[in-house]
Amino acid sequence: MTIYQQADLHFGLPLPWNKTQDMTKEEISQAPVTSTVITIQTEPVMPDYIVWSTFSTIFMNFCCLGFIAYVYSVKSRDRKMVGDKTGAQAHASTAKCLNISALVFSVLTAVIFIII
């Protein structure tokens, strides 16, 4: 009795390798072969910058640029859900520009307040 057979008896659970050891070569070759094919469609991920816009709205809302960026981010996400990739990309690009503007103006304002 091998160690694996003892473990099988000890725990009372069938082990997968014991079944193939007990089968003859003819039984193994006659077993039906099953295969599964998974097709993965890769779509390019289009960012909507919603997290960055939320951060800009809460912490760096210079002249409401963060809030406007948030609105465009939500529009971009809505367009993406509908399937309008061109509209989603246009709104995402606008949100990105507004987020960059809010960041630059907020950093400049902070630097000016620190200097003065």
PDB file of N, CA and C in Angstrom:
ATOM      1  N   MET A   1       0.858  -1.173   0.000  1.00  0.00           N
ATOM      2  CA  MET A   1       0.000   0.000   0.000  1.00  0.00           C
ATOM      3  C   MET A   1       0.905   1.237   0.000  1.00  0.00           C
ATOM      4  N   THR A   2       0.621   2.161  -0.921  1.00  0.00           N
ATOM      5  CA  THR A   2       1.458   3.357  -1.031  1.00  0.00           C
ATOM      6  C   THR A   2       0.987   4.421  -0.042  1.00  0.00           C
ATOM      7  N   ILE A   3       1.758   5.474   0.059  1.00  0.00           N
ATOM      8  CA  ILE A   3       1.418   6.581   0.957  1.00  0.00           C
ATOM      9  C   ILE A   3       0.116   7.234   0.516  1.00  0.00           C
ATOM     10  N   TYR A   4      -0.076   7.362  -0.827  1.00  0.00           N
ATOM     11  CA  TYR A   4      -1.277   8.003  -1.330  1.00  0.00           C
ATOM     12  C   TYR A   4      -2.527   7.179  -1.017  1.00  0.00           C
ATOM     13  N   GLN A   5      -2.418   5.871  -1.129  1.00  0.00           N
ATOM     14  CA  GLN A   5      -3.554   5.018  -0.806  1.00  0.00           C
ATOM     15  C   GLN A   5      -3.867   5.078   0.678  1.00  0.00           C
ATOM     16  N   GLN A   6      -2.807   5.188   1.505  1.00  0.00           N
ATOM     17  CA  GLN A   6      -3.032   5.314   2.945  1.00  0.00           C
ATOM     18  C   GLN A   6      -3.712   6.645   3.260  1.00  0.00           C
ATOM     19  N   ALA A   7      -3.292   7.697   2.583  1.00  0.00           N
ATOM     20  CA  ALA A   7      -3.921   8.998   2.807  1.00  0.00           C
ATOM     21  C   ALA A   7      -5.364   8.957   2.344  1.00  0.00           C
ATOM     22  N   ASP A   8      -5.632   8.238   1.249  1.00  0.00           N
ATOM     23  CA  ASP A   8      -6.989   8.113   0.739  1.00  0.00           C
ATOM     24  C   ASP A   8      -7.867   7.379   1.750  1.00  0.00           C
ATOM     25  N   LEU A   9      -7.338   6.354   2.340  1.00  0.00           N
ATOM     26  CA  LEU A   9      -8.090   5.610   3.350  1.00  0.00           C
ATOM     27  C   LEU A   9      -8.221   6.415   4.636  1.00  0.00           C
ATOM     28  N   HIS A  10      -7.165   7.139   4.960  1.00  0.00           N
ATOM     29  CA  HIS A  10      -7.147   7.883   6.216  1.00  0.00           C
ATOM     30  C   HIS A  10      -8.196   9.007   6.225  1.00  0.00           C
ATOM     31  N   PHE A  11      -8.248   9.800   5.170  1.00  0.00           N
ATOM     32  CA  PHE A  11      -9.169  10.939   5.130  1.00  0.00           C
ATOM     33  C   PHE A  11     -10.534  10.574   4.558  1.00  0.00           C
ATOM     34  N   GLY A  12     -10.628   9.453   3.877  1.00  0.00           N
ATOM     35  CA  GLY A  12     -11.899   9.028   3.326  1.00  0.00           C
ATOM     36  C   GLY A  12     -12.306   9.786   2.080  1.00  0.00           C
ATOM     37  N   LEU A  13     -11.373  10.515   1.465  1.00  0.00           N
ATOM     38  CA  LEU A  13     -11.677  11.287   0.263  1.00  0.00           C
ATOM     39  C   LEU A  13     -10.945  10.679  -0.924  1.00  0.00           C
ATOM     40  N   PRO A  14     -11.581  10.589  -2.059  1.00  0.00           N
ATOM     41  CA  PRO A  14     -10.875  10.068  -3.234  1.00  0.00           C
ATOM     42  C   PRO A  14      -9.885  11.110  -3.750  1.00  0.00           C
ATOM     43  N   LEU A  15      -8.723  10.650  -4.084  1.00  0.00           N
ATOM     44  CA  LEU A  15      -7.705  11.543  -4.616  1.00  0.00           C
ATOM     45  C   LEU A  15      -7.688  11.414  -6.132  1.00  0.00           C
ATOM     46  N   PRO A  16      -7.531  12.498  -6.867  1.00  0.00           N
ATOM     47  CA  PRO A  16      -7.646  12.442  -8.328  1.00  0.00           C
ATOM     48  C   PRO A  16      -6.567  11.604  -8.990  1.00  0.00           C
ATOM     49  N   TRP A  17      -5.361  11.540  -8.429  1.00  0.00           N
ATOM     50  CA  TRP A  17      -4.301  10.810  -9.090  1.00  0.00           C
ATOM     51  C   TRP A  17      -4.463   9.305  -8.898  1.00  0.00           C
ATOM     52  N   ASN A  18      -5.209   8.862  -7.908  1.00  0.00           N
ATOM     53  CA  ASN A  18      -5.435   7.428  -7.735  1.00  0.00           C
ATOM     54  C   ASN A  18      -6.283   6.866  -8.860  1.00  0.00           C
ATOM     55  N   LYS A  19      -7.217   7.630  -9.387  1.00  0.00           N
ATOM     56  CA  LYS A  19      -8.081   7.140 -10.448  1.00  0.00           C
ATOM     57  C   LYS A  19      -7.293   6.898 -11.723  1.00  0.00           C
ATOM     58  N   THR A  20      -6.373   7.791 -12.060  1.00  0.00           N
ATOM     59  CA  THR A  20      -5.603   7.606 -13.283  1.00  0.00           C
ATOM     60  C   THR A  20      -4.570   6.506 -13.117  1.00  0.00           C
ATOM     61  N   GLN A  21      -4.086   6.273 -11.908  1.00  0.00           N
ATOM     62  CA  GLN A  21      -3.137   5.189 -11.686  1.00  0.00           C
ATOM     63  C   GLN A  21      -3.821   3.844 -11.840  1.00  0.00           C
ATOM     64  N   ASP A  22      -5.092   3.751 -11.474  1.00  0.00           N
ATOM     65  CA  ASP A  22      -5.821   2.495 -11.560  1.00  0.00           C
ATOM     66  C   ASP A  22      -6.271   2.195 -12.986  1.00  0.00           C
ATOM     67  N   MET A  23      -6.332   3.196 -13.856  1.00  0.00           N
ATOM     68  CA  MET A  23      -6.787   2.995 -15.220  1.00  0.00           C
ATOM     69  C   MET A  23      -5.651   2.447 -16.082  1.00  0.00           C
ATOM     70  N   THR A  24      -5.988   1.627 -17.034  1.00  0.00           N
ATOM     71  CA  THR A  24      -4.977   1.122 -17.954  1.00  0.00           C
ATOM     72  C   THR A  24      -4.754   2.144 -19.050  1.00  0.00           C
ATOM     73  N   LYS A  25      -3.720   1.934 -19.846  1.00  0.00           N
ATOM     74  CA  LYS A  25      -3.413   2.862 -20.933  1.00  0.00           C
ATOM     75  C   LYS A  25      -4.521   2.877 -21.973  1.00  0.00           C
ATOM     76  N   GLU A  26      -5.167   1.756 -22.214  1.00  0.00           N
ATOM     77  CA  GLU A  26      -6.248   1.694 -23.187  1.00  0.00           C
ATOM     78  C   GLU A  26      -7.458   2.517 -22.714  1.00  0.00           C
ATOM     79  N   GLU A  27      -7.761   2.433 -21.423  1.00  0.00           N
ATOM     80  CA  GLU A  27      -8.890   3.192 -20.887  1.00  0.00           C
ATOM     81  C   GLU A  27      -8.622   4.690 -20.956  1.00  0.00           C
ATOM     82  N   ILE A  28      -7.380   5.063 -20.720  1.00  0.00           N
ATOM     83  CA  ILE A  28      -7.022   6.483 -20.770  1.00  0.00           C
ATOM     84  C   ILE A  28      -7.125   7.006 -22.197  1.00  0.00           C
ATOM     85  N   SER A  29      -6.656   6.223 -23.187  1.00  0.00           N
ATOM     86  CA  SER A  29      -6.700   6.687 -24.575  1.00  0.00           C
ATOM     87  C   SER A  29      -8.120   6.690 -25.124  1.00  0.00           C
ATOM     88  N   GLN A  30      -9.021   5.881 -24.569  1.00  0.00           N
ATOM     89  CA  GLN A  30     -10.390   5.829 -25.052  1.00  0.00           C
ATOM     90  C   GLN A  30     -11.289   6.868 -24.385  1.00  0.00           C
ATOM     91  N   ALA A  31     -10.793   7.511 -23.354  1.00  0.00           N
ATOM     92  CA  ALA A  31     -11.600   8.505 -22.652  1.00  0.00           C
ATOM     93  C   ALA A  31     -11.854   9.687 -23.586  1.00  0.00           C
ATOM     94  N   PRO A  32     -13.079  10.234 -23.571  1.00  0.00           N
ATOM     95  CA  PRO A  32     -13.368  11.367 -24.456  1.00  0.00           C
ATOM     96  C   PRO A  32     -12.587  12.614 -24.027  1.00  0.00           C
ATOM     97  N   VAL A  33     -12.116  13.310 -25.022  1.00  0.00           N
ATOM     98  CA  VAL A  33     -11.348  14.527 -24.769  1.00  0.00           C
ATOM     99  C   VAL A  33     -12.300  15.718 -24.898  1.00  0.00           C
ATOM    100  N   THR A  34     -12.369  16.503 -23.863  1.00  0.00           N
ATOM    101  CA  THR A  34     -13.203  17.693 -23.913  1.00  0.00           C
ATOM    102  C   THR A  34     -12.310  18.917 -23.855  1.00  0.00           C
ATOM    103  N   SER A  35     -12.717  19.930 -24.592  1.00  0.00           N
ATOM    104  CA  SER A  35     -11.957  21.174 -24.580  1.00  0.00           C
ATOM    105  C   SER A  35     -12.927  22.339 -24.499  1.00  0.00           C
ATOM    106  N   THR A  36     -12.453  23.400 -23.932  1.00  0.00           N
ATOM    107  CA  THR A  36     -13.251  24.607 -23.792  1.00  0.00           C
ATOM    108  C   THR A  36     -12.510  25.749 -24.482  1.00  0.00           C
ATOM    109  N   VAL A  37     -13.214  26.466 -25.318  1.00  0.00           N
ATOM    110  CA  VAL A  37     -12.617  27.603 -26.010  1.00  0.00           C
ATOM    111  C   VAL A  37     -13.246  28.872 -25.450  1.00  0.00           C
ATOM    112  N   ILE A  38     -12.410  29.762 -24.976  1.00  0.00           N
ATOM    113  CA  ILE A  38     -12.873  31.036 -24.431  1.00  0.00           C
ATOM    114  C   ILE A  38     -12.388  32.136 -25.360  1.00  0.00           C
ATOM    115  N   THR A  39     -13.319  32.892 -25.868  1.00  0.00           N
ATOM    116  CA  THR A  39     -12.977  34.003 -26.744  1.00  0.00           C
ATOM    117  C   THR A  39     -13.069  35.296 -25.942  1.00  0.00           C
ATOM    118  N   ILE A  40     -11.966  35.999 -25.875  1.00  0.00           N
ATOM    119  CA  ILE A  40     -11.919  37.256 -25.126  1.00  0.00           C
ATOM    120  C   ILE A  40     -11.824  38.394 -26.132  1.00  0.00           C
ATOM    121  N   GLN A  41     -12.803  39.252 -26.080  1.00  0.00           N
ATOM    122  CA  GLN A  41     -12.784  40.412 -26.954  1.00  0.00           C
ATOM    123  C   GLN A  41     -12.175  41.573 -26.179  1.00  0.00           C
ATOM    124  N   THR A  42     -11.111  42.084 -26.708  1.00  0.00           N
ATOM    125  CA  THR A  42     -10.435  43.180 -26.024  1.00  0.00           C
ATOM    126  C   THR A  42     -10.923  44.501 -26.589  1.00  0.00           C
ATOM    127  N   GLU A  43     -11.513  45.275 -25.735  1.00  0.00           N
ATOM    128  CA  GLU A  43     -11.922  46.627 -26.109  1.00  0.00           C
ATOM    129  C   GLU A  43     -10.965  47.592 -25.426  1.00  0.00           C
ATOM    130  N   PRO A  44     -10.568  48.613 -26.129  1.00  0.00           N
ATOM    131  CA  PRO A  44      -9.670  49.574 -25.482  1.00  0.00           C
ATOM    132  C   PRO A  44     -10.372  50.263 -24.313  1.00  0.00           C
ATOM    133  N   VAL A  45      -9.664  50.380 -23.231  1.00  0.00           N
ATOM    134  CA  VAL A  45     -10.222  51.012 -22.048  1.00  0.00           C
ATOM    135  C   VAL A  45     -10.133  52.523 -22.221  1.00  0.00           C
ATOM    136  N   MET A  46     -11.274  53.164 -22.155  1.00  0.00           N
ATOM    137  CA  MET A  46     -11.305  54.614 -22.279  1.00  0.00           C
ATOM    138  C   MET A  46     -11.505  55.203 -20.895  1.00  0.00           C
ATOM    139  N   PRO A  47     -10.530  55.948 -20.403  1.00  0.00           N
ATOM    140  CA  PRO A  47     -10.699  56.541 -19.077  1.00  0.00           C
ATOM    141  C   PRO A  47     -11.719  57.664 -19.101  1.00  0.00           C
ATOM    142  N   ASP A  48     -12.476  57.780 -18.020  1.00  0.00           N
ATOM    143  CA  ASP A  48     -13.437  58.878 -17.931  1.00  0.00           C
ATOM    144  C   ASP A  48     -13.022  59.915 -16.884  1.00  0.00           C
ATOM    145  N   TYR A  49     -11.942  59.671 -16.177  1.00  0.00           N
ATOM    146  CA  TYR A  49     -11.351  60.609 -15.221  1.00  0.00           C
ATOM    147  C   TYR A  49     -12.312  61.013 -14.106  1.00  0.00           C
ATOM    148  N   ILE A  50     -13.200  60.109 -13.717  1.00  0.00           N
ATOM    149  CA  ILE A  50     -14.197  60.451 -12.694  1.00  0.00           C
ATOM    150  C   ILE A  50     -13.540  60.595 -11.320  1.00  0.00           C
ATOM    151  N   VAL A  51     -12.549  59.776 -11.029  1.00  0.00           N
ATOM    152  CA  VAL A  51     -11.883  59.854  -9.716  1.00  0.00           C
ATOM    153  C   VAL A  51     -11.100  61.158  -9.617  1.00  0.00           C
ATOM    154  N   TRP A  52     -10.358  61.485 -10.659  1.00  0.00           N
ATOM    155  CA  TRP A  52      -9.587  62.724 -10.670  1.00  0.00           C
ATOM    156  C   TRP A  52     -10.521  63.930 -10.574  1.00  0.00           C
ATOM    157  N   SER A  53     -11.652  63.872 -11.274  1.00  0.00           N
ATOM    158  CA  SER A  53     -12.610  64.972 -11.231  1.00  0.00           C
ATOM    159  C   SER A  53     -13.242  65.118  -9.846  1.00  0.00           C
ATOM    160  N   THR A  54     -13.522  64.000  -9.200  1.00  0.00           N
ATOM    161  CA  THR A  54     -14.066  64.048  -7.840  1.00  0.00           C
ATOM    162  C   THR A  54     -13.052  64.680  -6.896  1.00  0.00           C
ATOM    163  N   PHE A  55     -11.797  64.271  -7.021  1.00  0.00           N
ATOM    164  CA  PHE A  55     -10.731  64.854  -6.193  1.00  0.00           C
ATOM    165  C   PHE A  55     -10.599  66.349  -6.463  1.00  0.00           C
ATOM    166  N   SER A  56     -10.649  66.732  -7.737  1.00  0.00           N
ATOM    167  CA  SER A  56     -10.545  68.154  -8.080  1.00  0.00           C
ATOM    168  C   SER A  56     -11.735  68.941  -7.541  1.00  0.00           C
ATOM    169  N   THR A  57     -12.916  68.332  -7.569  1.00  0.00           N
ATOM    170  CA  THR A  57     -14.109  69.014  -7.059  1.00  0.00           C
ATOM    171  C   THR A  57     -14.024  69.234  -5.560  1.00  0.00           C
ATOM    172  N   ILE A  58     -13.553  68.236  -4.844  1.00  0.00           N
ATOM    173  CA  ILE A  58     -13.529  68.324  -3.379  1.00  0.00           C
ATOM    174  C   ILE A  58     -12.379  69.183  -2.875  1.00  0.00           C
ATOM    175  N   PHE A  59     -11.185  68.988  -3.435  1.00  0.00           N
ATOM    176  CA  PHE A  59     -10.011  69.635  -2.855  1.00  0.00           C
ATOM    177  C   PHE A  59      -9.494  70.836  -3.640  1.00  0.00           C
ATOM    178  N   MET A  60      -9.632  70.850  -4.950  1.00  0.00           N
ATOM    179  CA  MET A  60      -9.028  71.918  -5.748  1.00  0.00           C
ATOM    180  C   MET A  60     -10.049  72.516  -6.689  1.00  0.00           C
ATOM    181  N   ASN A  61     -11.126  73.021  -6.177  1.00  0.00           N
ATOM    182  CA  ASN A  61     -12.214  73.517  -7.014  1.00  0.00           C
ATOM    183  C   ASN A  61     -11.986  74.996  -7.337  1.00  0.00           C
ATOM    184  N   PHE A  62     -10.934  75.261  -8.084  1.00  0.00           N
ATOM    185  CA  PHE A  62     -10.588  76.625  -8.460  1.00  0.00           C
ATOM    186  C   PHE A  62     -11.574  77.107  -9.519  1.00  0.00           C
ATOM    187  N   CYS A  63     -12.343  78.136  -9.199  1.00  0.00           N
ATOM    188  CA  CYS A  63     -13.346  78.718 -10.110  1.00  0.00           C
ATOM    189  C   CYS A  63     -14.290  77.654 -10.676  1.00  0.00           C
ATOM    190  N   CYS A  64     -14.634  76.676  -9.872  1.00  0.00           N
ATOM    191  CA  CYS A  64     -15.565  75.598 -10.245  1.00  0.00           C
ATOM    192  C   CYS A  64     -15.062  74.733 -11.398  1.00  0.00           C
ATOM    193  N   LEU A  65     -13.763  74.779 -11.686  1.00  0.00           N
ATOM    194  CA  LEU A  65     -13.227  73.938 -12.765  1.00  0.00           C
ATOM    195  C   LEU A  65     -13.336  72.458 -12.402  1.00  0.00           C
ATOM    196  N   GLY A  66     -13.147  72.131 -11.136  1.00  0.00           N
ATOM    197  CA  GLY A  66     -13.261  70.737 -10.708  1.00  0.00           C
ATOM    198  C   GLY A  66     -14.671  70.202 -10.870  1.00  0.00           C
ATOM    199  N   PHE A  67     -15.656  71.035 -10.545  1.00  0.00           N
ATOM    200  CA  PHE A  67     -17.047  70.615 -10.689  1.00  0.00           C
ATOM    201  C   PHE A  67     -17.422  70.443 -12.157  1.00  0.00           C
ATOM    202  N   ILE A  68     -16.966  71.351 -13.005  1.00  0.00           N
ATOM    203  CA  ILE A  68     -17.254  71.236 -14.432  1.00  0.00           C
ATOM    204  C   ILE A  68     -16.573  69.992 -15.012  1.00  0.00           C
ATOM    205  N   ALA A  69     -15.359  69.703 -14.543  1.00  0.00           N
ATOM    206  CA  ALA A  69     -14.668  68.482 -14.973  1.00  0.00           C
ATOM    207  C   ALA A  69     -15.442  67.249 -14.536  1.00  0.00           C
ATOM    208  N   TYR A  70     -16.023  67.300 -13.339  1.00  0.00           N
ATOM    209  CA  TYR A  70     -16.825  66.186 -12.846  1.00  0.00           C
ATOM    210  C   TYR A  70     -18.059  65.971 -13.733  1.00  0.00           C
ATOM    211  N   VAL A  71     -18.690  67.055 -14.151  1.00  0.00           N
ATOM    212  CA  VAL A  71     -19.863  66.955 -15.033  1.00  0.00           C
ATOM    213  C   VAL A  71     -19.471  66.300 -16.349  1.00  0.00           C
ATOM    214  N   TYR A  72     -18.349  66.701 -16.923  1.00  0.00           N
ATOM    215  CA  TYR A  72     -17.907  66.109 -18.182  1.00  0.00           C
ATOM    216  C   TYR A  72     -17.488  64.648 -17.996  1.00  0.00           C
ATOM    217  N   SER A  73     -16.954  64.313 -16.839  1.00  0.00           N
ATOM    218  CA  SER A  73     -16.601  62.918 -16.564  1.00  0.00           C
ATOM    219  C   SER A  73     -17.844  62.039 -16.504  1.00  0.00           C
ATOM    220  N   VAL A  74     -18.886  62.544 -15.876  1.00  0.00           N
ATOM    221  CA  VAL A  74     -20.150  61.788 -15.814  1.00  0.00           C
ATOM    222  C   VAL A  74     -20.750  61.659 -17.210  1.00  0.00           C
ATOM    223  N   LYS A  75     -20.681  62.729 -18.001  1.00  0.00           N
ATOM    224  CA  LYS A  75     -21.162  62.655 -19.377  1.00  0.00           C
ATOM    225  C   LYS A  75     -20.368  61.618 -20.172  1.00  0.00           C
ATOM    226  N   SER A  76     -19.069  61.577 -19.954  1.00  0.00           N
ATOM    227  CA  SER A  76     -18.226  60.610 -20.640  1.00  0.00           C
ATOM    228  C   SER A  76     -18.606  59.183 -20.254  1.00  0.00           C
ATOM    229  N   ARG A  77     -18.852  58.963 -18.983  1.00  0.00           N
ATOM    230  CA  ARG A  77     -19.249  57.630 -18.523  1.00  0.00           C
ATOM    231  C   ARG A  77     -20.604  57.239 -19.102  1.00  0.00           C
ATOM    232  N   ASP A  78     -21.528  58.186 -19.164  1.00  0.00           N
ATOM    233  CA  ASP A  78     -22.845  57.902 -19.749  1.00  0.00           C
ATOM    234  C   ASP A  78     -22.723  57.548 -21.234  1.00  0.00           C
ATOM    235  N   ARG A  79     -21.909  58.299 -21.953  1.00  0.00           N
ATOM    236  CA  ARG A  79     -21.717  58.022 -23.376  1.00  0.00           C
ATOM    237  C   ARG A  79     -21.073  56.650 -23.587  1.00  0.00           C
ATOM    238  N   LYS A  80     -20.165  56.305 -22.691  1.00  0.00           N
ATOM    239  CA  LYS A  80     -19.506  55.001 -22.799  1.00  0.00           C
ATOM    240  C   LYS A  80     -20.504  53.868 -22.567  1.00  0.00           C
ATOM    241  N   MET A  81     -21.420  54.058 -21.633  1.00  0.00           N
ATOM    242  CA  MET A  81     -22.444  53.041 -21.361  1.00  0.00           C
ATOM    243  C   MET A  81     -23.412  52.896 -22.539  1.00  0.00           C
ATOM    244  N   VAL A  82     -23.708  53.986 -23.213  1.00  0.00           N
ATOM    245  CA  VAL A  82     -24.620  53.941 -24.351  1.00  0.00           C
ATOM    246  C   VAL A  82     -23.944  53.303 -25.560  1.00  0.00           C
ATOM    247  N   GLY A  83     -22.629  53.413 -25.642  1.00  0.00           N
ATOM    248  CA  GLY A  83     -21.889  52.846 -26.761  1.00  0.00           C
ATOM    249  C   GLY A  83     -21.330  53.880 -27.708  1.00  0.00           C
ATOM    250  N   ASP A  84     -21.477  55.154 -27.376  1.00  0.00           N
ATOM    251  CA  ASP A  84     -20.968  56.243 -28.212  1.00  0.00           C
ATOM    252  C   ASP A  84     -19.515  56.513 -27.822  1.00  0.00           C
ATOM    253  N   LYS A  85     -18.601  55.808 -28.476  1.00  0.00           N
ATOM    254  CA  LYS A  85     -17.191  55.920 -28.113  1.00  0.00           C
ATOM    255  C   LYS A  85     -16.602  57.281 -28.464  1.00  0.00           C
ATOM    256  N   THR A  86     -17.032  57.848 -29.573  1.00  0.00           N
ATOM    257  CA  THR A  86     -16.512  59.153 -29.984  1.00  0.00           C
ATOM    258  C   THR A  86     -16.936  60.244 -29.009  1.00  0.00           C
ATOM    259  N   GLY A  87     -18.210  60.234 -28.626  1.00  0.00           N
ATOM    260  CA  GLY A  87     -18.690  61.214 -27.654  1.00  0.00           C
ATOM    261  C   GLY A  87     -18.045  61.030 -26.292  1.00  0.00           C
ATOM    262  N   ALA A  88     -17.847  59.770 -25.892  1.00  0.00           N
ATOM    263  CA  ALA A  88     -17.208  59.499 -24.604  1.00  0.00           C
ATOM    264  C   ALA A  88     -15.772  59.997 -24.596  1.00  0.00           C
ATOM    265  N   GLN A  89     -15.081  59.786 -25.697  1.00  0.00           N
ATOM    266  CA  GLN A  89     -13.696  60.242 -25.775  1.00  0.00           C
ATOM    267  C   GLN A  89     -13.609  61.768 -25.777  1.00  0.00           C
ATOM    268  N   ALA A  90     -14.544  62.431 -26.449  1.00  0.00           N
ATOM    269  CA  ALA A  90     -14.542  63.894 -26.482  1.00  0.00           C
ATOM    270  C   ALA A  90     -14.807  64.467 -25.085  1.00  0.00           C
ATOM    271  N   HIS A  91     -15.797  63.924 -24.371  1.00  0.00           N
ATOM    272  CA  HIS A  91     -16.094  64.412 -23.026  1.00  0.00           C
ATOM    273  C   HIS A  91     -14.951  64.096 -22.056  1.00  0.00           C
ATOM    274  N   ALA A  92     -14.319  62.931 -22.228  1.00  0.00           N
ATOM    275  CA  ALA A  92     -13.189  62.566 -21.366  1.00  0.00           C
ATOM    276  C   ALA A  92     -12.005  63.500 -21.595  1.00  0.00           C
ATOM    277  N   SER A  93     -11.786  63.869 -22.846  1.00  0.00           N
ATOM    278  CA  SER A  93     -10.696  64.788 -23.158  1.00  0.00           C
ATOM    279  C   SER A  93     -10.950  66.165 -22.534  1.00  0.00           C
ATOM    280  N   THR A  94     -12.185  66.619 -22.594  1.00  0.00           N
ATOM    281  CA  THR A  94     -12.533  67.901 -21.975  1.00  0.00           C
ATOM    282  C   THR A  94     -12.358  67.836 -20.458  1.00  0.00           C
ATOM    283  N   ALA A  95     -12.794  66.725 -19.851  1.00  0.00           N
ATOM    284  CA  ALA A  95     -12.635  66.560 -18.408  1.00  0.00           C
ATOM    285  C   ALA A  95     -11.164  66.539 -18.013  1.00  0.00           C
ATOM    286  N   LYS A  96     -10.336  65.907 -18.831  1.00  0.00           N
ATOM    287  CA  LYS A  96      -8.899  65.855 -18.547  1.00  0.00           C
ATOM    288  C   LYS A  96      -8.290  67.255 -18.593  1.00  0.00           C
ATOM    289  N   CYS A  97      -8.640  68.028 -19.615  1.00  0.00           N
ATOM    290  CA  CYS A  97      -8.113  69.400 -19.727  1.00  0.00           C
ATOM    291  C   CYS A  97      -8.569  70.266 -18.557  1.00  0.00           C
ATOM    292  N   LEU A  98      -9.824  70.113 -18.164  1.00  0.00           N
ATOM    293  CA  LEU A  98     -10.326  70.901 -17.029  1.00  0.00           C
ATOM    294  C   LEU A  98      -9.653  70.478 -15.721  1.00  0.00           C
ATOM    295  N   ASN A  99      -9.398  69.187 -15.557  1.00  0.00           N
ATOM    296  CA  ASN A  99      -8.698  68.717 -14.359  1.00  0.00           C
ATOM    297  C   ASN A  99      -7.271  69.247 -14.301  1.00  0.00           C
ATOM    298  N   ILE A 100      -6.603  69.245 -15.437  1.00  0.00           N
ATOM    299  CA  ILE A 100      -5.236  69.791 -15.479  1.00  0.00           C
ATOM    300  C   ILE A 100      -5.253  71.277 -15.163  1.00  0.00           C
ATOM    301  N   SER A 101      -6.228  71.998 -15.726  1.00  0.00           N
ATOM    302  CA  SER A 101      -6.330  73.436 -15.451  1.00  0.00           C
ATOM    303  C   SER A 101      -6.604  73.698 -13.976  1.00  0.00           C
ATOM    304  N   ALA A 102      -7.521  72.930 -13.395  1.00  0.00           N
ATOM    305  CA  ALA A 102      -7.826  73.096 -11.971  1.00  0.00           C
ATOM    306  C   ALA A 102      -6.599  72.812 -11.118  1.00  0.00           C
ATOM    307  N   LEU A 103      -5.840  71.797 -11.485  1.00  0.00           N
ATOM    308  CA  LEU A 103      -4.633  71.454 -10.728  1.00  0.00           C
ATOM    309  C   LEU A 103      -3.590  72.561 -10.827  1.00  0.00           C
ATOM    310  N   VAL A 104      -3.349  73.044 -12.031  1.00  0.00           N
ATOM    311  CA  VAL A 104      -2.327  74.082 -12.221  1.00  0.00           C
ATOM    312  C   VAL A 104      -2.716  75.362 -11.491  1.00  0.00           C
ATOM    313  N   PHE A 105      -3.960  75.794 -11.657  1.00  0.00           N
ATOM    314  CA  PHE A 105      -4.386  77.033 -10.993  1.00  0.00           C
ATOM    315  C   PHE A 105      -4.391  76.893  -9.472  1.00  0.00           C
ATOM    316  N   SER A 106      -4.760  75.752  -8.967  1.00  0.00           N
ATOM    317  CA  SER A 106      -4.770  75.546  -7.508  1.00  0.00           C
ATOM    318  C   SER A 106      -3.360  75.514  -6.940  1.00  0.00           C
ATOM    319  N   VAL A 107      -2.445  74.865  -7.657  1.00  0.00           N
ATOM    320  CA  VAL A 107      -1.045  74.844  -7.193  1.00  0.00           C
ATOM    321  C   VAL A 107      -0.462  76.247  -7.249  1.00  0.00           C
ATOM    322  N   LEU A 108      -0.725  76.981  -8.327  1.00  0.00           N
ATOM    323  CA  LEU A 108      -0.222  78.359  -8.422  1.00  0.00           C
ATOM    324  C   LEU A 108      -0.795  79.232  -7.301  1.00  0.00           C
ATOM    325  N   THR A 109      -2.081  79.070  -7.002  1.00  0.00           N
ATOM    326  CA  THR A 109      -2.699  79.837  -5.931  1.00  0.00           C
ATOM    327  C   THR A 109      -2.057  79.492  -4.585  1.00  0.00           C
ATOM    328  N   ALA A 110      -1.783  78.217  -4.348  1.00  0.00           N
ATOM    329  CA  ALA A 110      -1.152  77.811  -3.102  1.00  0.00           C
ATOM    330  C   ALA A 110       0.266  78.370  -2.992  1.00  0.00           C
ATOM    331  N   VAL A 111       0.992  78.337  -4.111  1.00  0.00           N
ATOM    332  CA  VAL A 111       2.367  78.865  -4.111  1.00  0.00           C
ATOM    333  C   VAL A 111       2.347  80.374  -3.871  1.00  0.00           C
ATOM    334  N   ILE A 112       1.418  81.076  -4.468  1.00  0.00           N
ATOM    335  CA  ILE A 112       1.331  82.539  -4.270  1.00  0.00           C
ATOM    336  C   ILE A 112       1.001  82.863  -2.814  1.00  0.00           C
ATOM    337  N   PHE A 113       0.080  82.076  -2.222  1.00  0.00           N
ATOM    338  CA  PHE A 113      -0.255  82.316  -0.800  1.00  0.00           C
ATOM    339  C   PHE A 113       0.916  82.000   0.106  1.00  0.00           C
ATOM    340  N   ILE A 114       1.716  81.018  -0.235  1.00  0.00           N
ATOM    341  CA  ILE A 114       2.878  80.696   0.603  1.00  0.00           C
ATOM    342  C   ILE A 114       3.942  81.779   0.475  1.00  0.00           C
ATOM    343  N   ILE A 115       4.151  82.310  -0.716  1.00  0.00           N
ATOM    344  CA  ILE A 115       5.159  83.348  -0.922  1.00  0.00           C
ATOM    345  C   ILE A 115       4.733  84.642  -0.259  1.00  0.00           C
ATOM    346  N   ILE A 116       3.455  85.005  -0.384  1.00  0.00           N
ATOM    347  CA  ILE A 116       2.991  86.277   0.180  1.00  0.00           C
ATOM    348  C   ILE A 116       2.758  86.118   1.618  1.00  0.00           C
TER     349      ILE A 116
END
